[in-house]
């Protein structure tokens, strides 16, 4: 009887685990960002490689929002004369800046993380600014040189970069600008 009871318990346990996995997968799919594939394609077309690594393999790159997607969709940003494509408007996209290629950078994973968390930012001319939260040795190991200007193709990105410097970057920007 122990054998049959054990099989029954294993079956019930697997059913519970798999049903939870299914629920989690469905929830994560429903939370996916509206227009994200469109945004990623437009950003990668506009900026095809990571400015730090020169990698152009899309599987190794991310399209990072400069003004975070959540902010674009929940807070009022500035007006634009561009309209949201009907396909995404029907799905509930509220703000064109959520899919605007100028609100994005193509970055490899490490630099994507640093930018997303506000440890690095850029001036309008591509000059990188690094947070003082890390030692110089860390920036050297990451091969980030604050005196270098990176090719982030800033034309059209100025207002987005300004927002990132003021609201996302971890240090007061005045601390870094001479």
N, C-alpha and C. Protein backbone atom coordinates (compact mmCIF):
# COMPACT_ATOMS: atom_id res chain seq x y z
N UNK A 1 0.81 -1.20 0.00
CA UNK A 1 0.00 0.00 0.00
C UNK A 1 0.86 1.26 0.00
N UNK A 2 2.00 1.20 0.65
CA UNK A 2 2.89 2.35 0.66
C UNK A 2 3.29 2.72 -0.77
N UNK A 3 3.59 1.75 -1.58
CA UNK A 3 4.00 1.99 -2.97
C UNK A 3 2.92 2.76 -3.74
N UNK A 4 1.67 2.32 -3.65
CA UNK A 4 0.58 2.99 -4.36
C UNK A 4 0.32 4.39 -3.80
N UNK A 5 0.43 4.50 -2.48
CA UNK A 5 0.24 5.79 -1.85
C UNK A 5 1.33 6.77 -2.30
N UNK A 6 2.56 6.30 -2.41
CA UNK A 6 3.71 7.11 -2.85
C UNK A 6 3.51 7.57 -4.29
N UNK A 7 3.05 6.71 -5.17
CA UNK A 7 2.80 7.08 -6.56
C UNK A 7 1.72 8.16 -6.62
N UNK A 8 0.67 7.99 -5.83
CA UNK A 8 -0.40 8.97 -5.80
C UNK A 8 0.13 10.35 -5.35
N UNK A 9 0.94 10.36 -4.29
CA UNK A 9 1.49 11.63 -3.79
C UNK A 9 2.40 12.28 -4.83
N UNK A 10 3.25 11.49 -5.46
CA UNK A 10 4.14 12.04 -6.50
C UNK A 10 3.33 12.64 -7.63
N UNK A 11 2.28 11.97 -8.04
CA UNK A 11 1.45 12.48 -9.12
C UNK A 11 0.78 13.79 -8.72
N UNK A 12 0.23 13.84 -7.50
CA UNK A 12 -0.41 15.07 -7.03
C UNK A 12 0.61 16.20 -6.92
N UNK A 13 1.80 15.90 -6.41
CA UNK A 13 2.84 16.90 -6.27
C UNK A 13 3.23 17.46 -7.64
N UNK A 14 3.43 16.60 -8.61
CA UNK A 14 3.79 17.06 -9.96
C UNK A 14 2.67 17.88 -10.57
N UNK A 15 1.44 17.51 -10.33
CA UNK A 15 0.29 18.27 -10.85
C UNK A 15 0.28 19.68 -10.29
N UNK A 16 0.55 19.78 -9.02
CA UNK A 16 0.55 21.10 -8.37
C UNK A 16 1.69 21.94 -8.94
N UNK A 17 2.88 21.36 -9.02
CA UNK A 17 4.04 22.10 -9.53
C UNK A 17 3.81 22.54 -10.98
N UNK A 18 3.37 21.65 -11.82
CA UNK A 18 3.18 21.99 -13.23
C UNK A 18 2.06 23.00 -13.42
N UNK A 19 1.01 22.90 -12.64
CA UNK A 19 -0.06 23.87 -12.80
C UNK A 19 0.41 25.26 -12.38
N UNK A 20 1.24 25.35 -11.34
CA UNK A 20 1.80 26.64 -10.94
C UNK A 20 2.73 27.20 -12.00
N UNK A 21 3.54 26.33 -12.60
CA UNK A 21 4.42 26.77 -13.69
C UNK A 21 3.60 27.35 -14.83
N UNK A 22 2.50 26.68 -15.15
CA UNK A 22 1.63 27.14 -16.23
C UNK A 22 1.03 28.50 -15.89
N UNK A 23 0.58 28.67 -14.66
CA UNK A 23 0.01 29.95 -14.24
C UNK A 23 1.06 31.04 -14.31
N UNK A 24 2.26 30.77 -13.80
CA UNK A 24 3.34 31.76 -13.84
C UNK A 24 3.68 32.14 -15.27
N UNK A 25 3.73 31.17 -16.17
CA UNK A 25 4.06 31.45 -17.57
C UNK A 25 2.97 32.33 -18.20
N UNK A 26 1.72 32.04 -17.91
CA UNK A 26 0.63 32.85 -18.45
C UNK A 26 0.67 34.27 -17.91
N UNK A 27 0.97 34.41 -16.62
CA UNK A 27 1.06 35.74 -16.03
C UNK A 27 2.19 36.54 -16.63
N UNK A 28 3.33 35.91 -16.84
CA UNK A 28 4.46 36.65 -17.42
C UNK A 28 4.17 37.05 -18.86
N UNK A 29 3.43 36.22 -19.59
CA UNK A 29 3.07 36.60 -20.95
C UNK A 29 2.10 37.76 -20.96
N UNK A 30 1.18 37.80 -20.01
CA UNK A 30 0.21 38.88 -19.98
C UNK A 30 0.86 40.19 -19.54
N UNK A 31 2.00 40.10 -18.80
CA UNK A 31 2.68 41.30 -18.36
C UNK A 31 3.68 41.82 -19.39
N UNK A 32 3.83 41.15 -20.52
CA UNK A 32 4.80 41.61 -21.50
C UNK A 32 4.40 42.98 -22.00
N UNK A 33 5.37 43.73 -22.38
CA UNK A 33 5.14 45.11 -22.78
C UNK A 33 4.53 45.20 -24.17
N UNK A 34 3.53 46.04 -24.27
CA UNK A 34 2.87 46.25 -25.56
C UNK A 34 3.85 46.95 -26.49
N UNK A 35 4.02 46.41 -27.68
CA UNK A 35 4.89 47.02 -28.68
C UNK A 35 6.37 46.74 -28.50
N UNK A 36 6.74 45.88 -27.55
CA UNK A 36 8.16 45.62 -27.29
C UNK A 36 8.90 45.07 -28.52
N UNK A 37 8.34 44.10 -29.25
CA UNK A 37 9.06 43.62 -30.45
C UNK A 37 9.26 44.74 -31.49
N UNK A 38 8.26 45.59 -31.65
CA UNK A 38 8.35 46.73 -32.58
C UNK A 38 9.46 47.69 -32.12
N UNK A 39 9.46 48.01 -30.82
CA UNK A 39 10.46 48.90 -30.26
C UNK A 39 11.86 48.33 -30.46
N UNK A 40 12.03 47.07 -30.14
CA UNK A 40 13.34 46.43 -30.25
C UNK A 40 13.85 46.47 -31.69
N UNK A 41 12.98 46.17 -32.63
CA UNK A 41 13.37 46.19 -34.05
C UNK A 41 13.80 47.59 -34.48
N UNK A 42 13.02 48.60 -34.11
CA UNK A 42 13.33 49.98 -34.50
C UNK A 42 14.63 50.47 -33.87
N UNK A 43 14.84 50.15 -32.61
CA UNK A 43 16.07 50.58 -31.92
C UNK A 43 17.28 49.90 -32.55
N UNK A 44 17.18 48.59 -32.82
CA UNK A 44 18.32 47.88 -33.41
C UNK A 44 18.58 48.33 -34.85
N UNK A 45 17.55 48.72 -35.57
CA UNK A 45 17.76 49.27 -36.92
C UNK A 45 18.50 50.60 -36.86
N UNK A 46 18.14 51.41 -35.87
CA UNK A 46 18.73 52.75 -35.72
C UNK A 46 20.12 52.69 -35.11
N UNK A 47 20.32 51.77 -34.18
CA UNK A 47 21.60 51.63 -33.47
C UNK A 47 21.96 50.15 -33.45
N UNK A 48 22.61 49.65 -34.51
CA UNK A 48 22.77 48.21 -34.69
C UNK A 48 23.81 47.51 -33.81
N UNK A 49 24.58 48.25 -33.03
CA UNK A 49 25.60 47.60 -32.21
C UNK A 49 25.75 48.29 -30.86
N UNK A 50 26.27 47.57 -29.91
CA UNK A 50 26.55 48.12 -28.59
C UNK A 50 27.76 49.05 -28.70
N UNK A 51 27.68 50.27 -28.19
CA UNK A 51 28.81 51.19 -28.32
C UNK A 51 30.02 50.79 -27.47
N UNK A 52 29.82 49.94 -26.48
CA UNK A 52 30.93 49.52 -25.61
C UNK A 52 31.67 48.32 -26.16
N UNK A 53 30.93 47.36 -26.69
CA UNK A 53 31.53 46.09 -27.11
C UNK A 53 31.62 45.94 -28.61
N UNK A 54 30.92 46.77 -29.36
CA UNK A 54 30.82 46.68 -30.82
C UNK A 54 30.13 45.40 -31.28
N UNK A 55 29.47 44.70 -30.38
CA UNK A 55 28.73 43.48 -30.73
C UNK A 55 27.50 43.88 -31.53
N UNK A 56 27.26 43.16 -32.64
CA UNK A 56 26.06 43.43 -33.43
C UNK A 56 25.16 42.20 -33.56
N UNK A 57 25.45 41.16 -32.80
CA UNK A 57 24.63 39.95 -32.78
C UNK A 57 23.41 40.20 -31.90
N UNK A 58 22.23 40.22 -32.53
CA UNK A 58 21.01 40.60 -31.82
C UNK A 58 20.70 39.72 -30.61
N UNK A 59 21.11 38.47 -30.66
CA UNK A 59 20.84 37.57 -29.53
C UNK A 59 21.59 38.00 -28.27
N UNK A 60 22.63 38.79 -28.43
CA UNK A 60 23.44 39.22 -27.30
C UNK A 60 23.16 40.66 -26.89
N UNK A 61 22.17 41.27 -27.52
CA UNK A 61 21.90 42.69 -27.28
C UNK A 61 20.49 42.90 -26.74
N UNK A 62 20.32 44.03 -26.09
CA UNK A 62 19.02 44.44 -25.59
C UNK A 62 18.70 45.84 -26.09
N UNK A 63 17.44 46.08 -26.30
CA UNK A 63 16.97 47.42 -26.62
C UNK A 63 16.49 48.02 -25.31
N UNK A 64 17.23 48.97 -24.79
CA UNK A 64 16.94 49.56 -23.48
C UNK A 64 16.21 50.89 -23.65
N UNK A 65 15.11 51.06 -22.93
CA UNK A 65 14.43 52.35 -22.90
C UNK A 65 15.28 53.34 -22.11
N UNK A 66 15.41 54.56 -22.61
CA UNK A 66 16.13 55.59 -21.86
C UNK A 66 15.20 56.11 -20.76
N UNK A 67 14.00 56.55 -21.13
CA UNK A 67 12.97 56.80 -20.13
C UNK A 67 12.26 55.46 -19.97
N UNK A 68 12.27 54.90 -18.78
CA UNK A 68 11.71 53.56 -18.60
C UNK A 68 10.28 53.43 -19.14
N UNK A 69 9.99 52.26 -19.67
CA UNK A 69 8.67 51.96 -20.25
C UNK A 69 7.56 52.29 -19.27
N UNK A 70 7.74 51.90 -18.03
CA UNK A 70 6.71 52.11 -17.01
C UNK A 70 6.40 53.60 -16.85
N UNK A 71 7.43 54.44 -16.90
CA UNK A 71 7.23 55.88 -16.77
C UNK A 71 6.48 56.40 -17.99
N UNK A 72 6.88 55.94 -19.18
CA UNK A 72 6.20 56.38 -20.40
C UNK A 72 4.71 56.05 -20.36
N UNK A 73 4.38 54.90 -19.82
CA UNK A 73 3.00 54.45 -19.85
C UNK A 73 2.15 54.92 -18.67
N UNK A 74 2.79 55.38 -17.60
CA UNK A 74 2.00 55.77 -16.43
C UNK A 74 2.03 57.26 -16.13
N UNK A 75 3.06 57.96 -16.58
CA UNK A 75 3.15 59.39 -16.30
C UNK A 75 3.12 60.16 -17.60
N UNK A 76 2.65 61.36 -17.53
CA UNK A 76 2.58 62.19 -18.72
C UNK A 76 3.96 62.75 -19.02
N UNK A 77 4.47 62.45 -20.20
CA UNK A 77 5.74 63.03 -20.64
C UNK A 77 5.40 64.21 -21.54
N UNK A 78 6.29 64.63 -22.36
CA UNK A 78 5.99 65.76 -23.23
C UNK A 78 5.22 65.31 -24.46
N UNK A 79 4.61 66.25 -25.13
CA UNK A 79 3.78 65.93 -26.30
C UNK A 79 4.66 65.61 -27.50
N UNK A 80 4.10 64.82 -28.40
CA UNK A 80 4.76 64.50 -29.65
C UNK A 80 3.72 64.55 -30.76
N UNK A 81 4.19 64.85 -31.95
CA UNK A 81 3.26 64.87 -33.08
C UNK A 81 3.16 63.50 -33.75
N UNK A 82 3.87 62.52 -33.22
CA UNK A 82 3.82 61.17 -33.79
C UNK A 82 2.65 60.42 -33.18
N UNK A 83 2.01 59.60 -34.00
CA UNK A 83 0.86 58.85 -33.52
C UNK A 83 1.22 57.39 -33.30
N UNK A 84 0.55 56.79 -32.35
CA UNK A 84 0.75 55.37 -32.06
C UNK A 84 0.13 54.56 -33.18
N UNK A 85 0.85 53.58 -33.73
CA UNK A 85 0.24 52.73 -34.76
C UNK A 85 -1.05 52.10 -34.22
N UNK A 86 -2.11 52.04 -35.04
CA UNK A 86 -3.42 51.53 -34.58
C UNK A 86 -3.34 50.16 -33.92
N UNK A 87 -2.47 49.29 -34.42
CA UNK A 87 -2.34 47.94 -33.86
C UNK A 87 -2.00 48.00 -32.37
N UNK A 88 -1.10 48.92 -31.99
CA UNK A 88 -0.68 49.02 -30.60
C UNK A 88 -1.64 49.87 -29.77
N UNK A 89 -2.27 50.82 -30.40
CA UNK A 89 -3.27 51.62 -29.70
C UNK A 89 -4.43 50.74 -29.26
N UNK A 90 -4.86 49.83 -30.15
CA UNK A 90 -5.94 48.90 -29.81
C UNK A 90 -5.55 47.99 -28.66
N UNK A 91 -4.26 47.66 -28.56
CA UNK A 91 -3.81 46.78 -27.48
C UNK A 91 -3.64 47.53 -26.16
N UNK A 92 -3.74 48.87 -26.21
CA UNK A 92 -3.69 49.64 -24.97
C UNK A 92 -2.46 50.49 -24.76
N UNK A 93 -1.58 50.61 -25.76
CA UNK A 93 -0.40 51.47 -25.62
C UNK A 93 -0.88 52.92 -25.49
N UNK A 94 -0.35 53.64 -24.51
CA UNK A 94 -0.84 54.98 -24.22
C UNK A 94 0.07 56.09 -24.71
N UNK A 95 1.36 55.82 -24.87
CA UNK A 95 2.31 56.89 -25.14
C UNK A 95 3.26 56.47 -26.25
N UNK A 96 3.42 57.30 -27.25
CA UNK A 96 4.32 56.98 -28.37
C UNK A 96 5.75 56.78 -27.91
N UNK A 97 6.16 57.46 -26.84
CA UNK A 97 7.54 57.35 -26.38
C UNK A 97 7.89 55.94 -25.92
N UNK A 98 6.88 55.12 -25.65
CA UNK A 98 7.13 53.72 -25.27
C UNK A 98 7.72 52.92 -26.42
N UNK A 99 7.46 53.34 -27.66
CA UNK A 99 7.97 52.61 -28.83
C UNK A 99 8.85 53.49 -29.72
N UNK A 100 9.20 54.67 -29.24
CA UNK A 100 10.02 55.61 -30.01
C UNK A 100 11.47 55.14 -30.05
N UNK A 101 12.01 54.98 -31.24
CA UNK A 101 13.39 54.49 -31.38
C UNK A 101 14.40 55.44 -30.74
N UNK A 102 14.06 56.73 -30.64
CA UNK A 102 14.96 57.69 -30.01
C UNK A 102 14.98 57.54 -28.49
N UNK A 103 14.03 56.84 -27.95
CA UNK A 103 13.98 56.56 -26.52
C UNK A 103 14.64 55.21 -26.22
N UNK A 104 15.54 54.77 -27.07
CA UNK A 104 16.16 53.47 -26.85
C UNK A 104 17.63 53.47 -27.20
N UNK A 105 18.35 52.55 -26.56
CA UNK A 105 19.76 52.30 -26.85
C UNK A 105 19.95 50.80 -27.01
N UNK A 106 20.83 50.42 -27.90
CA UNK A 106 21.21 49.03 -28.06
C UNK A 106 22.43 48.78 -27.19
N UNK A 107 22.29 47.90 -26.21
CA UNK A 107 23.38 47.63 -25.28
C UNK A 107 23.51 46.14 -25.02
N UNK A 108 24.74 45.68 -24.78
CA UNK A 108 24.92 44.30 -24.35
C UNK A 108 24.53 44.22 -22.87
N UNK A 109 24.36 43.04 -22.36
CA UNK A 109 23.70 42.82 -21.08
C UNK A 109 24.33 43.57 -19.90
N UNK A 110 25.63 43.54 -19.76
CA UNK A 110 26.27 44.21 -18.62
C UNK A 110 26.02 45.70 -18.65
N UNK A 111 26.20 46.30 -19.82
CA UNK A 111 26.03 47.75 -19.94
C UNK A 111 24.55 48.14 -19.88
N UNK A 112 23.70 47.25 -20.34
CA UNK A 112 22.26 47.45 -20.22
C UNK A 112 21.89 47.55 -18.74
N UNK A 113 22.42 46.66 -17.94
CA UNK A 113 22.15 46.67 -16.50
C UNK A 113 22.66 47.97 -15.86
N UNK A 114 23.89 48.35 -16.19
CA UNK A 114 24.46 49.57 -15.63
C UNK A 114 23.63 50.81 -15.98
N UNK A 115 23.16 50.86 -17.23
CA UNK A 115 22.35 52.00 -17.67
C UNK A 115 20.98 51.97 -17.02
N UNK A 116 20.36 50.81 -16.98
CA UNK A 116 19.02 50.67 -16.42
C UNK A 116 18.99 51.05 -14.94
N UNK A 117 20.01 50.67 -14.19
CA UNK A 117 20.06 50.93 -12.76
C UNK A 117 20.60 52.33 -12.44
N UNK A 118 21.01 53.08 -13.45
CA UNK A 118 21.47 54.45 -13.23
C UNK A 118 22.91 54.58 -12.80
N UNK A 119 23.72 53.56 -13.09
CA UNK A 119 25.14 53.64 -12.75
C UNK A 119 25.96 54.35 -13.83
N UNK A 120 25.42 54.40 -15.04
CA UNK A 120 26.04 55.17 -16.12
C UNK A 120 24.95 55.97 -16.82
N UNK A 121 25.36 57.06 -17.43
CA UNK A 121 24.47 57.86 -18.26
C UNK A 121 25.33 58.55 -19.31
N UNK A 122 24.69 59.28 -20.20
CA UNK A 122 25.42 59.95 -21.28
C UNK A 122 25.03 61.41 -21.35
N UNK A 123 26.00 62.24 -21.74
CA UNK A 123 25.70 63.60 -22.14
C UNK A 123 25.20 63.55 -23.58
N UNK A 124 24.66 64.64 -24.07
CA UNK A 124 24.09 64.66 -25.42
C UNK A 124 25.12 64.36 -26.51
N UNK A 125 26.40 64.63 -26.24
CA UNK A 125 27.44 64.40 -27.25
C UNK A 125 28.03 62.99 -27.19
N UNK A 126 27.49 62.12 -26.34
CA UNK A 126 27.98 60.75 -26.23
C UNK A 126 28.98 60.54 -25.11
N UNK A 127 29.36 61.61 -24.42
CA UNK A 127 30.28 61.51 -23.29
C UNK A 127 29.62 60.69 -22.19
N UNK A 128 30.32 59.67 -21.71
CA UNK A 128 29.75 58.82 -20.66
C UNK A 128 30.04 59.43 -19.30
N UNK A 129 29.09 59.26 -18.40
CA UNK A 129 29.24 59.69 -17.00
C UNK A 129 29.02 58.45 -16.15
N UNK A 130 29.99 58.17 -15.26
CA UNK A 130 29.91 56.99 -14.40
C UNK A 130 29.60 57.40 -12.97
N UNK A 131 28.79 56.62 -12.32
CA UNK A 131 28.41 56.89 -10.94
C UNK A 131 29.62 56.77 -10.01
N UNK A 132 29.60 57.54 -8.95
CA UNK A 132 30.68 57.48 -7.96
C UNK A 132 30.47 56.32 -6.98
N UNK A 133 29.43 55.53 -7.18
CA UNK A 133 29.15 54.41 -6.28
C UNK A 133 30.13 53.26 -6.45
N UNK A 134 30.86 53.27 -7.57
CA UNK A 134 31.87 52.23 -7.80
C UNK A 134 33.25 52.87 -7.84
N UNK A 135 34.25 52.09 -7.49
CA UNK A 135 35.62 52.58 -7.53
C UNK A 135 36.11 52.67 -8.97
N UNK A 136 37.15 53.45 -9.19
CA UNK A 136 37.74 53.60 -10.52
C UNK A 136 38.18 52.25 -11.08
N UNK A 137 38.66 51.39 -10.21
CA UNK A 137 39.12 50.05 -10.64
C UNK A 137 37.98 49.27 -11.30
N UNK A 138 36.77 49.40 -10.77
CA UNK A 138 35.62 48.71 -11.35
C UNK A 138 35.37 49.20 -12.76
N UNK A 139 35.41 50.52 -12.95
CA UNK A 139 35.18 51.08 -14.29
C UNK A 139 36.30 50.65 -15.24
N UNK A 140 37.53 50.57 -14.75
CA UNK A 140 38.64 50.09 -15.58
C UNK A 140 38.41 48.64 -16.00
N UNK A 141 37.99 47.81 -15.05
CA UNK A 141 37.72 46.40 -15.36
C UNK A 141 36.59 46.25 -16.38
N UNK A 142 35.64 47.17 -16.35
CA UNK A 142 34.54 47.15 -17.31
C UNK A 142 34.94 47.80 -18.64
N UNK A 143 36.16 48.30 -18.69
CA UNK A 143 36.70 48.98 -19.88
C UNK A 143 35.85 50.19 -20.27
N UNK A 144 35.44 50.93 -19.25
CA UNK A 144 34.69 52.17 -19.48
C UNK A 144 35.61 53.33 -19.15
N UNK A 145 35.80 54.19 -20.13
CA UNK A 145 36.68 55.34 -20.00
C UNK A 145 35.83 56.60 -20.02
N UNK A 146 35.81 57.32 -18.89
CA UNK A 146 34.96 58.52 -18.79
C UNK A 146 35.40 59.64 -19.71
N UNK A 147 36.62 59.59 -20.19
CA UNK A 147 37.08 60.66 -21.10
C UNK A 147 36.67 60.39 -22.54
N UNK A 148 36.14 59.20 -22.78
CA UNK A 148 35.78 58.79 -24.15
C UNK A 148 34.33 59.16 -24.49
N UNK A 149 34.11 59.49 -25.74
CA UNK A 149 32.75 59.71 -26.23
C UNK A 149 32.33 58.46 -27.00
N UNK A 150 31.18 57.93 -26.64
CA UNK A 150 30.68 56.71 -27.26
C UNK A 150 29.67 57.07 -28.34
N UNK A 151 29.65 56.25 -29.37
CA UNK A 151 28.76 56.50 -30.50
C UNK A 151 27.35 56.00 -30.16
N UNK A 152 26.58 56.86 -29.54
CA UNK A 152 25.20 56.49 -29.19
C UNK A 152 24.20 57.17 -30.13
N UNK A 153 24.71 57.79 -31.19
CA UNK A 153 23.87 58.47 -32.17
C UNK A 153 22.82 59.32 -31.43
N UNK A 154 23.26 60.39 -30.75
CA UNK A 154 22.33 61.11 -29.89
C UNK A 154 21.31 62.00 -30.59
N UNK A 155 21.42 62.20 -31.89
CA UNK A 155 20.46 63.08 -32.56
C UNK A 155 19.04 62.57 -32.33
N UNK A 156 18.22 63.43 -31.70
CA UNK A 156 16.85 63.06 -31.40
C UNK A 156 16.67 62.47 -30.02
N UNK A 157 17.77 62.17 -29.34
CA UNK A 157 17.68 61.54 -28.02
C UNK A 157 17.90 62.52 -26.87
N UNK A 158 18.13 63.77 -27.17
CA UNK A 158 18.54 64.73 -26.15
C UNK A 158 17.56 64.82 -24.98
N UNK A 159 16.26 64.93 -25.26
CA UNK A 159 15.29 65.07 -24.17
C UNK A 159 15.18 63.78 -23.35
N UNK A 160 15.37 62.64 -23.99
CA UNK A 160 15.34 61.37 -23.26
C UNK A 160 16.57 61.23 -22.36
N UNK A 161 17.74 61.59 -22.93
CA UNK A 161 18.97 61.52 -22.14
C UNK A 161 18.94 62.50 -20.96
N UNK A 162 18.36 63.66 -21.18
CA UNK A 162 18.24 64.64 -20.09
C UNK A 162 17.40 64.05 -18.95
N UNK A 163 16.30 63.40 -19.29
CA UNK A 163 15.46 62.77 -18.28
C UNK A 163 16.27 61.70 -17.53
N UNK A 164 17.01 60.88 -18.27
CA UNK A 164 17.80 59.82 -17.64
C UNK A 164 18.83 60.41 -16.68
N UNK A 165 19.49 61.48 -17.09
CA UNK A 165 20.50 62.11 -16.23
C UNK A 165 19.87 62.65 -14.95
N UNK A 166 18.69 63.24 -15.06
CA UNK A 166 18.06 63.88 -13.91
C UNK A 166 17.30 62.91 -13.01
N UNK A 167 16.66 61.90 -13.58
CA UNK A 167 15.74 61.06 -12.81
C UNK A 167 16.23 59.63 -12.54
N UNK A 168 17.11 59.11 -13.39
CA UNK A 168 17.52 57.71 -13.25
C UNK A 168 18.95 57.59 -12.72
N UNK A 169 19.84 58.44 -13.19
CA UNK A 169 21.25 58.38 -12.79
C UNK A 169 21.38 58.55 -11.28
N UNK A 170 22.27 57.78 -10.66
CA UNK A 170 22.38 57.71 -9.20
C UNK A 170 23.04 58.93 -8.55
N UNK A 171 23.85 59.68 -9.27
CA UNK A 171 24.54 60.84 -8.71
C UNK A 171 23.91 62.12 -9.23
N UNK A 172 24.10 63.22 -8.51
CA UNK A 172 23.72 64.51 -9.11
C UNK A 172 24.63 64.78 -10.31
N UNK A 173 24.05 65.07 -11.44
CA UNK A 173 24.83 65.24 -12.67
C UNK A 173 25.81 66.42 -12.55
N UNK A 174 25.47 67.43 -11.76
CA UNK A 174 26.35 68.59 -11.59
C UNK A 174 27.69 68.18 -10.98
N UNK A 175 27.69 67.11 -10.21
CA UNK A 175 28.90 66.59 -9.59
C UNK A 175 29.92 66.14 -10.62
N UNK A 176 29.45 65.75 -11.81
CA UNK A 176 30.32 65.18 -12.83
C UNK A 176 30.70 66.14 -13.95
N UNK A 177 29.94 67.22 -14.09
CA UNK A 177 30.19 68.14 -15.21
C UNK A 177 31.05 69.29 -14.71
N UNK A 178 32.12 69.54 -15.46
CA UNK A 178 33.05 70.62 -15.07
C UNK A 178 32.49 71.96 -15.44
